[in-house]
Amino acid sequence: MNEKPEHRSPLRGALAYLLVALAVIGVVFVVSREARDGEQSYAFIRRLFLQEKVDYFEVSSTNELTVRLKEPLVPNGEIVYYHHLASPEMFFADLGDTIQEQLARNVLTDYDYKAPPQAPWWLSMLPTLLLVIAGGAAVTLVTGTAAGAAVWPALGWLCVTMGATGL
């Protein structure tokens, strides 16, 4: 009988690991974004500013707004509330004039806006690197080479050879 040997792509295992890694990253992202204790709606926070009950606020680098009141709304109540802002720019566009006015009249004692962290330099090169790896994987799959590791360094030679032979 003329049986072909079973061919397993070396990328099959790598693809499985990549899918598992993406699933883990997704789960971590969803779990880390769960609501904090004391997180309130934007309408509630906005009302506190308009009623001049806010003493201090800060916007963190992860867009978490922390508001400290002058006094609790109810006896023995909370004086710190949280809200995750969709966009700090929209927050300041909405309440910026109110905040500046309250600062001028000493209704607000202070505020803090922390700049977002800067991405490392190598992160900008990541898309190019992934594109090169994907191109190498495509060449490996198209040529059907079992020794994919040997193909990666010779991608240029392989492309020239494929073009010359009409493969």
Protein backbone atom coordinates (compact mmCIF):
# COMPACT_ATOMS: atom_id res chain seq x y z
CA MET A 1 0.00 0.00 0.00
CA ASN A 2 1.02 3.49 -0.65
CA GLU A 3 0.53 5.22 2.73
CA LYS A 4 1.61 8.75 3.30
CA PRO A 5 3.34 9.45 6.58
CA GLU A 6 1.24 11.50 8.98
CA HIS A 7 2.25 15.13 8.78
CA ARG A 8 1.78 17.32 11.85
CA SER A 9 2.43 20.99 11.50
CA PRO A 10 4.87 22.37 14.06
CA LEU A 11 2.59 25.38 14.40
CA ARG A 12 -0.36 23.31 15.59
CA GLY A 13 0.95 23.18 19.16
CA ALA A 14 2.01 26.82 19.07
CA LEU A 15 -1.47 27.83 17.92
CA ALA A 16 -3.03 25.95 20.83
CA TYR A 17 -0.73 27.74 23.29
CA LEU A 18 -1.57 31.08 21.67
CA LEU A 19 -5.31 30.46 22.01
CA VAL A 20 -4.92 29.49 25.67
CA ALA A 21 -2.82 32.63 26.31
CA LEU A 22 -5.45 34.83 24.66
CA ALA A 23 -8.19 33.21 26.76
CA VAL A 24 -6.22 33.81 29.96
CA ILE A 25 -5.58 37.45 29.03
CA GLY A 26 -9.30 37.92 28.31
CA VAL A 27 -10.33 36.44 31.66
CA VAL A 28 -7.80 38.58 33.55
CA PHE A 29 -9.08 41.70 31.77
CA VAL A 30 -12.72 40.97 32.60
CA VAL A 31 -12.04 40.02 36.21
CA SER A 32 -9.81 43.05 36.85
CA ARG A 33 -12.54 45.39 35.57
CA GLU A 34 -15.17 44.25 38.08
CA ALA A 35 -16.87 47.05 39.99
CA ARG A 36 -15.27 48.19 43.22
CA ASP A 37 -17.13 48.46 46.48
CA GLY A 38 -18.65 51.92 46.63
CA GLU A 39 -18.57 52.50 42.87
CA GLN A 40 -21.36 54.84 41.93
CA SER A 41 -23.00 55.95 38.70
CA TYR A 42 -21.72 58.96 36.81
CA ALA A 43 -25.03 60.76 37.40
CA PHE A 44 -24.58 60.37 41.18
CA ILE A 45 -20.99 61.69 41.05
CA ARG A 46 -22.01 64.58 38.79
CA ARG A 47 -24.80 65.54 41.20
CA LEU A 48 -22.28 65.64 44.08
CA PHE A 49 -20.15 68.12 42.13
CA LEU A 50 -23.12 70.31 41.21
CA GLN A 51 -24.35 70.32 44.83
CA GLU A 52 -20.84 71.39 45.94
CA LYS A 53 -20.41 68.42 48.27
CA VAL A 54 -17.03 67.33 46.87
CA ASP A 55 -13.91 68.34 48.79
CA TYR A 56 -11.24 66.59 46.68
CA PHE A 57 -11.08 64.30 43.68
CA GLU A 58 -8.48 62.45 41.67
CA VAL A 59 -8.43 60.71 38.32
CA SER A 60 -5.95 57.81 38.23
CA SER A 61 -3.96 56.65 35.23
CA THR A 62 -6.52 53.85 34.78
CA ASN A 63 -9.42 56.37 34.59
CA GLU A 64 -10.66 55.62 38.12
CA LEU A 65 -12.30 58.71 39.61
CA THR A 66 -12.05 58.93 43.40
CA VAL A 67 -14.24 61.55 45.07
CA ARG A 68 -13.90 62.60 48.72
CA LEU A 69 -16.84 64.49 50.21
CA LYS A 70 -16.70 67.29 52.76
CA GLU A 71 -19.05 65.34 55.01
CA PRO A 72 -21.05 62.11 54.73
CA LEU A 73 -24.40 62.29 52.96
CA VAL A 74 -25.98 60.40 55.86
CA PRO A 75 -24.72 60.12 59.46
CA ASN A 76 -21.86 57.61 59.68
CA GLY A 77 -21.98 57.22 55.88
CA GLU A 78 -19.26 57.00 53.30
CA ILE A 79 -17.21 60.03 52.34
CA VAL A 80 -15.25 58.39 49.48
CA TYR A 81 -16.88 57.24 46.24
CA TYR A 82 -15.47 55.71 43.08
CA HIS A 83 -16.43 55.67 39.44
CA HIS A 84 -14.63 54.28 36.39
CA LEU A 85 -14.61 57.02 33.75
CA ALA A 86 -15.03 55.99 30.15
CA SER A 87 -13.03 59.06 29.18
CA PRO A 88 -11.38 61.63 31.48
CA GLU A 89 -11.61 64.15 28.63
CA MET A 90 -15.41 63.82 28.59
CA PHE A 91 -15.48 64.22 32.38
CA PHE A 92 -13.50 67.46 32.20
CA ALA A 93 -15.54 68.67 29.22
CA ASP A 94 -18.71 68.08 31.24
CA LEU A 95 -17.63 69.38 34.66
CA GLY A 96 -14.49 71.40 33.85
CA ASP A 97 -16.13 74.82 34.23
CA THR A 98 -17.81 73.75 37.48
CA ILE A 99 -14.52 72.41 38.82
CA GLN A 100 -12.62 75.62 37.93
CA GLU A 101 -15.34 77.77 39.49
CA GLN A 102 -15.38 75.69 42.69
CA LEU A 103 -11.57 75.81 42.93
CA ALA A 104 -11.66 79.60 42.61
CA ARG A 105 -14.24 79.84 45.42
CA ASN A 106 -12.39 77.25 47.60
CA VAL A 107 -15.30 74.84 47.48
CA LEU A 108 -12.89 72.22 46.13
CA THR A 109 -9.63 72.07 48.08
CA ASP A 110 -7.60 70.26 45.43
CA TYR A 111 -7.59 67.67 42.67
CA ASP A 112 -5.12 65.35 40.99
CA TYR A 113 -4.99 63.98 37.46
CA LYS A 114 -2.39 61.27 36.97
CA ALA A 115 -1.03 60.82 33.45
CA PRO A 116 -1.41 57.41 31.86
CA PRO A 117 1.72 55.24 31.83
CA GLN A 118 3.91 55.33 28.73
CA ALA A 119 4.21 52.16 26.67
CA PRO A 120 7.70 50.68 26.40
CA TRP A 121 9.63 51.37 23.18
CA TRP A 122 9.66 47.73 22.11
CA LEU A 123 5.87 47.58 22.09
CA SER A 124 5.78 49.73 18.94
CA MET A 125 7.86 47.08 17.14
CA LEU A 126 5.59 44.20 18.17
CA PRO A 127 3.17 44.41 15.17
CA THR A 128 6.08 44.16 12.71
CA LEU A 129 7.54 41.20 14.57
CA LEU A 130 4.16 39.44 14.61
CA LEU A 131 3.77 40.07 10.88
CA VAL A 132 7.18 38.49 10.17
CA ILE A 133 6.29 35.48 12.32
CA ALA A 134 2.90 35.13 10.60
CA GLY A 135 4.60 35.33 7.19
CA GLY A 136 7.06 32.63 8.20
CA ALA A 137 4.22 30.48 9.47
CA ALA A 138 2.35 30.92 6.19
CA VAL A 139 5.42 29.91 4.18
CA THR A 140 5.91 26.88 6.42
CA LEU A 141 2.29 25.81 5.97
CA VAL A 142 2.26 26.42 2.21
CA THR A 143 5.47 24.50 1.55
CA GLY A 144 4.38 21.67 3.83
CA THR A 145 7.82 21.35 5.38
CA ALA A 146 7.86 19.30 8.53
CA ALA A 147 11.11 20.91 9.63
CA GLY A 148 9.63 24.38 9.97
CA ALA A 149 12.52 25.50 12.13
CA ALA A 150 14.90 25.04 9.20
CA VAL A 151 12.68 27.14 6.94
CA TRP A 152 12.58 30.25 9.14
CA PRO A 153 16.19 31.41 8.59
CA ALA A 154 15.97 30.78 4.87
CA LEU A 155 12.73 32.58 4.07
CA GLY A 156 14.34 34.82 1.47
CA TRP A 157 16.03 31.89 -0.31
CA LEU A 158 12.82 29.86 -0.16
CA CYS A 159 10.72 32.60 -1.70
CA VAL A 160 13.24 33.04 -4.53
CA THR A 161 13.33 29.26 -5.11
CA MET A 162 9.53 28.99 -5.12
CA GLY A 163 9.28 31.84 -7.61
CA ALA A 164 11.97 30.38 -9.87
CA THR A 165 10.50 26.89 -9.97
CA GLY A 166 6.88 28.02 -10.24
CA LEU A 167 5.76 26.23 -7.08
